[in-house]
Amino acid sequence: MKTFKALIIFLLILSSLNAQSFYTLDNIKSLSLYMPNKVGFMDKEQKDSLKESVIEKLKKAGFIFGKTDATTFMIKIESINVNDTEVIHVQLALGEEVLTSRPGNIHSFALTYLATDFMESDEPVKDTIESVESLLSEFLEAYKDDNE
């Protein structure tokens, strides 16, 4: 009986590792980057470098920037210092104008993709860059899977 329970738990964990996201990234081509970063541990040059790196990777994946009515691609970085350690929250999201299925077909702005990372760090710049790169890789992989 214990073996059966262990097998069921193993299969549930395995299936969740291969589960698809409930977000749909089909046919997204045009993006506008919004990066509100109000953290004290990154200077303007580091923020600009991170922004350029993100745009470069997105362009390499086929996304276009500068078009009107583009989907908003947001990377938001927040932090608080607790006992000489930065506690950092990174969000990567897509925001789009959507048409709801409620009566009256209401137009709204909605987050249609969201991924987050939360960490404490003694090296906040390095860890934040790694977090953004990891979340971006996950996004690009999900985008690739949805558009094959």
C-alpha atoms as a PDB file:
ATOM      1  CA  MET A   1       0.000   0.000   0.000  1.00  0.00           C
ATOM      2  CA  LYS A   2       2.867   2.384   0.820  1.00  0.00           C
ATOM      3  CA  THR A   3       4.418   1.692  -2.579  1.00  0.00           C
ATOM      4  CA  PHE A   4       1.127   2.511  -4.283  1.00  0.00           C
ATOM      5  CA  LYS A   5       0.823   5.840  -2.425  1.00  0.00           C
ATOM      6  CA  ALA A   6       4.436   6.690  -3.253  1.00  0.00           C
ATOM      7  CA  LEU A   7       3.802   5.881  -6.922  1.00  0.00           C
ATOM      8  CA  ILE A   8       0.696   8.105  -7.003  1.00  0.00           C
ATOM      9  CA  ILE A   9       2.574  10.995  -5.367  1.00  0.00           C
ATOM     10  CA  PHE A  10       5.478  10.539  -7.791  1.00  0.00           C
ATOM     11  CA  LEU A  11       3.128  10.574 -10.794  1.00  0.00           C
ATOM     12  CA  LEU A  12       1.345  13.699  -9.531  1.00  0.00           C
ATOM     13  CA  ILE A  13       4.650  15.514  -9.083  1.00  0.00           C
ATOM     14  CA  LEU A  14       5.864  14.358 -12.495  1.00  0.00           C
ATOM     15  CA  SER A  15       2.670  15.478 -14.223  1.00  0.00           C
ATOM     16  CA  SER A  16       2.843  18.902 -12.578  1.00  0.00           C
ATOM     17  CA  LEU A  17       6.396  19.375 -13.849  1.00  0.00           C
ATOM     18  CA  ASN A  18       5.203  18.928 -17.417  1.00  0.00           C
ATOM     19  CA  ALA A  19       1.940  20.835 -17.008  1.00  0.00           C
ATOM     20  CA  GLN A  20       1.311  23.684 -19.375  1.00  0.00           C
ATOM     21  CA  SER A  21       0.651  27.157 -18.082  1.00  0.00           C
ATOM     22  CA  PHE A  22      -2.921  28.382 -18.035  1.00  0.00           C
ATOM     23  CA  TYR A  23      -1.679  31.519 -19.805  1.00  0.00           C
ATOM     24  CA  THR A  24      -1.982  31.720 -23.581  1.00  0.00           C
ATOM     25  CA  LEU A  25       0.860  33.353 -25.485  1.00  0.00           C
ATOM     26  CA  ASP A  26      -0.413  32.617 -28.984  1.00  0.00           C
ATOM     27  CA  ASN A  27       0.155  35.236 -31.690  1.00  0.00           C
ATOM     28  CA  ILE A  28       1.849  37.895 -29.573  1.00  0.00           C
ATOM     29  CA  LYS A  29       4.250  39.786 -31.831  1.00  0.00           C
ATOM     30  CA  SER A  30       4.430  43.444 -30.822  1.00  0.00           C
ATOM     31  CA  LEU A  31       5.624  44.515 -27.371  1.00  0.00           C
ATOM     32  CA  SER A  32       6.183  47.683 -25.423  1.00  0.00           C
ATOM     33  CA  LEU A  33       8.561  47.353 -22.444  1.00  0.00           C
ATOM     34  CA  TYR A  34       7.579  48.895 -19.124  1.00  0.00           C
ATOM     35  CA  MET A  35      10.178  48.517 -16.384  1.00  0.00           C
ATOM     36  CA  PRO A  36       9.308  50.414 -13.182  1.00  0.00           C
ATOM     37  CA  ASN A  37      12.249  49.651 -10.909  1.00  0.00           C
ATOM     38  CA  LYS A  38      12.311  51.572  -7.695  1.00  0.00           C
ATOM     39  CA  VAL A  39      15.185  49.781  -6.004  1.00  0.00           C
ATOM     40  CA  GLY A  40      18.079  51.574  -4.411  1.00  0.00           C
ATOM     41  CA  PHE A  41      20.699  48.928  -5.067  1.00  0.00           C
ATOM     42  CA  MET A  42      20.746  49.388  -8.865  1.00  0.00           C
ATOM     43  CA  ASP A  43      22.047  52.573 -10.454  1.00  0.00           C
ATOM     44  CA  LYS A  44      20.675  54.004 -13.718  1.00  0.00           C
ATOM     45  CA  GLU A  45      23.420  52.367 -15.792  1.00  0.00           C
ATOM     46  CA  GLN A  46      22.663  48.902 -14.365  1.00  0.00           C
ATOM     47  CA  LYS A  47      18.916  49.365 -14.919  1.00  0.00           C
ATOM     48  CA  ASP A  48      19.480  50.559 -18.503  1.00  0.00           C
ATOM     49  CA  SER A  49      21.835  47.642 -19.192  1.00  0.00           C
ATOM     50  CA  LEU A  50      19.269  45.145 -17.878  1.00  0.00           C
ATOM     51  CA  LYS A  51      16.530  46.771 -19.978  1.00  0.00           C
ATOM     52  CA  GLU A  52      18.681  46.625 -23.137  1.00  0.00           C
ATOM     53  CA  SER A  53      19.520  42.966 -22.470  1.00  0.00           C
ATOM     54  CA  VAL A  54      15.831  42.072 -22.093  1.00  0.00           C
ATOM     55  CA  ILE A  55      14.876  43.914 -25.290  1.00  0.00           C
ATOM     56  CA  GLU A  56      17.718  42.235 -27.198  1.00  0.00           C
ATOM     57  CA  LYS A  57      16.607  38.745 -26.103  1.00  0.00           C
ATOM     58  CA  LEU A  58      12.977  39.484 -26.935  1.00  0.00           C
ATOM     59  CA  LYS A  59      13.915  40.827 -30.386  1.00  0.00           C
ATOM     60  CA  LYS A  60      16.060  37.740 -30.988  1.00  0.00           C
ATOM     61  CA  ALA A  61      12.958  35.652 -30.201  1.00  0.00           C
ATOM     62  CA  GLY A  62      11.030  37.551 -32.902  1.00  0.00           C
ATOM     63  CA  PHE A  63       9.214  40.252 -30.970  1.00  0.00           C
ATOM     64  CA  ILE A  64       8.815  43.729 -32.470  1.00  0.00           C
ATOM     65  CA  PHE A  65       9.035  46.971 -30.487  1.00  0.00           C
ATOM     66  CA  GLY A  66       7.677  50.433 -31.292  1.00  0.00           C
ATOM     67  CA  LYS A  67       4.272  49.590 -32.778  1.00  0.00           C
ATOM     68  CA  THR A  68       1.064  51.295 -31.687  1.00  0.00           C
ATOM     69  CA  ASP A  69      -1.254  49.274 -29.404  1.00  0.00           C
ATOM     70  CA  ALA A  70       1.489  46.813 -28.510  1.00  0.00           C
ATOM     71  CA  THR A  71       1.120  44.359 -25.656  1.00  0.00           C
ATOM     72  CA  THR A  72       2.800  45.728 -22.526  1.00  0.00           C
ATOM     73  CA  PHE A  73       5.706  43.581 -21.330  1.00  0.00           C
ATOM     74  CA  MET A  74       6.443  44.543 -17.724  1.00  0.00           C
ATOM     75  CA  ILE A  75       9.377  43.741 -15.492  1.00  0.00           C
ATOM     76  CA  LYS A  76       8.826  45.142 -12.020  1.00  0.00           C
ATOM     77  CA  ILE A  77      11.515  44.968  -9.347  1.00  0.00           C
ATOM     78  CA  GLU A  78      10.777  45.876  -5.744  1.00  0.00           C
ATOM     79  CA  SER A  79      12.879  45.468  -2.621  1.00  0.00           C
ATOM     80  CA  ILE A  80      13.113  46.181   1.045  1.00  0.00           C
ATOM     81  CA  ASN A  81      16.218  46.069   3.212  1.00  0.00           C
ATOM     82  CA  VAL A  82      15.914  43.882   6.316  1.00  0.00           C
ATOM     83  CA  ASN A  83      18.948  43.631   8.613  1.00  0.00           C
ATOM     84  CA  ASP A  84      21.474  44.393   5.838  1.00  0.00           C
ATOM     85  CA  THR A  85      19.844  41.867   3.502  1.00  0.00           C
ATOM     86  CA  GLU A  86      17.763  42.876   0.490  1.00  0.00           C
ATOM     87  CA  VAL A  87      14.430  41.108   0.133  1.00  0.00           C
ATOM     88  CA  ILE A  88      13.594  41.297  -3.560  1.00  0.00           C
ATOM     89  CA  HIS A  89      10.395  40.686  -5.491  1.00  0.00           C
ATOM     90  CA  VAL A  90      10.630  40.434  -9.295  1.00  0.00           C
ATOM     91  CA  GLN A  91       7.549  40.270 -11.528  1.00  0.00           C
ATOM     92  CA  LEU A  92       7.430  39.592 -15.247  1.00  0.00           C
ATOM     93  CA  ALA A  93       4.005  40.170 -16.805  1.00  0.00           C
ATOM     94  CA  LEU A  94       2.099  40.838 -20.014  1.00  0.00           C
ATOM     95  CA  GLY A  95      -0.715  43.362 -19.974  1.00  0.00           C
ATOM     96  CA  GLU A  96      -3.224  43.575 -22.824  1.00  0.00           C
ATOM     97  CA  GLU A  97      -6.495  45.144 -23.788  1.00  0.00           C
ATOM     98  CA  VAL A  98      -9.032  42.316 -23.665  1.00  0.00           C
ATOM     99  CA  LEU A  99     -12.701  41.871 -24.404  1.00  0.00           C
ATOM    100  CA  THR A 100     -14.519  40.123 -21.562  1.00  0.00           C
ATOM    101  CA  SER A 101     -17.229  37.551 -22.076  1.00  0.00           C
ATOM    102  CA  ARG A 102     -19.473  39.326 -19.577  1.00  0.00           C
ATOM    103  CA  PRO A 103     -22.749  40.787 -20.850  1.00  0.00           C
ATOM    104  CA  GLY A 104     -21.974  43.930 -22.807  1.00  0.00           C
ATOM    105  CA  ASN A 105     -18.576  42.727 -24.051  1.00  0.00           C
ATOM    106  CA  ILE A 106     -16.596  44.986 -21.733  1.00  0.00           C
ATOM    107  CA  HIS A 107     -13.133  46.132 -22.817  1.00  0.00           C
ATOM    108  CA  SER A 108     -10.565  45.915 -20.041  1.00  0.00           C
ATOM    109  CA  PHE A 109      -6.826  45.885 -19.404  1.00  0.00           C
ATOM    110  CA  ALA A 110      -5.709  42.557 -17.958  1.00  0.00           C
ATOM    111  CA  LEU A 111      -2.536  40.736 -17.046  1.00  0.00           C
ATOM    112  CA  THR A 112      -2.467  37.835 -19.468  1.00  0.00           C
ATOM    113  CA  TYR A 113       0.822  36.398 -18.198  1.00  0.00           C
ATOM    114  CA  LEU A 114       2.452  36.646 -14.779  1.00  0.00           C
ATOM    115  CA  ALA A 115       5.552  35.065 -13.289  1.00  0.00           C
ATOM    116  CA  THR A 116       7.198  36.093 -10.051  1.00  0.00           C
ATOM    117  CA  ASP A 117      10.328  35.470  -8.032  1.00  0.00           C
ATOM    118  CA  PHE A 118      10.877  36.338  -4.390  1.00  0.00           C
ATOM    119  CA  MET A 119      14.285  36.116  -2.722  1.00  0.00           C
ATOM    120  CA  GLU A 120      16.553  37.450  -0.047  1.00  0.00           C
ATOM    121  CA  SER A 121      20.007  38.416  -1.191  1.00  0.00           C
ATOM    122  CA  ASP A 122      23.401  39.630  -0.043  1.00  0.00           C
ATOM    123  CA  GLU A 123      24.245  40.325  -3.721  1.00  0.00           C
ATOM    124  CA  PRO A 124      21.066  42.042  -4.914  1.00  0.00           C
ATOM    125  CA  VAL A 125      22.253  43.295  -8.328  1.00  0.00           C
ATOM    126  CA  LYS A 126      23.620  39.889  -9.356  1.00  0.00           C
ATOM    127  CA  ASP A 127      20.630  37.983  -7.983  1.00  0.00           C
ATOM    128  CA  THR A 128      18.118  40.374  -9.550  1.00  0.00           C
ATOM    129  CA  ILE A 129      19.733  40.035 -12.984  1.00  0.00           C
ATOM    130  CA  GLU A 130      19.745  36.228 -12.633  1.00  0.00           C
ATOM    131  CA  SER A 131      16.082  36.302 -11.573  1.00  0.00           C
ATOM    132  CA  VAL A 132      15.040  38.451 -14.545  1.00  0.00           C
ATOM    133  CA  GLU A 133      16.997  36.199 -16.918  1.00  0.00           C
ATOM    134  CA  SER A 134      15.381  33.086 -15.437  1.00  0.00           C
ATOM    135  CA  LEU A 135      11.846  34.509 -15.628  1.00  0.00           C
ATOM    136  CA  LEU A 136      12.518  35.719 -19.174  1.00  0.00           C
ATOM    137  CA  SER A 137      13.765  32.256 -20.205  1.00  0.00           C
ATOM    138  CA  GLU A 138      10.611  30.678 -18.772  1.00  0.00           C
ATOM    139  CA  PHE A 139       8.476  33.187 -20.667  1.00  0.00           C
ATOM    140  CA  LEU A 140      10.313  32.595 -23.951  1.00  0.00           C
ATOM    141  CA  GLU A 141      10.014  28.818 -23.537  1.00  0.00           C
ATOM    142  CA  ALA A 142       6.261  29.105 -22.868  1.00  0.00           C
ATOM    143  CA  TYR A 143       5.926  31.446 -25.855  1.00  0.00           C
ATOM    144  CA  LYS A 144       7.794  28.974 -28.072  1.00  0.00           C
ATOM    145  CA  ASP A 145       5.607  26.078 -26.890  1.00  0.00           C
ATOM    146  CA  ASP A 146       2.387  28.024 -27.519  1.00  0.00           C
ATOM    147  CA  ASN A 147       3.420  29.128 -30.994  1.00  0.00           C
ATOM    148  CA  GLU A 148       4.745  25.861 -32.472  1.00  0.00           C
END
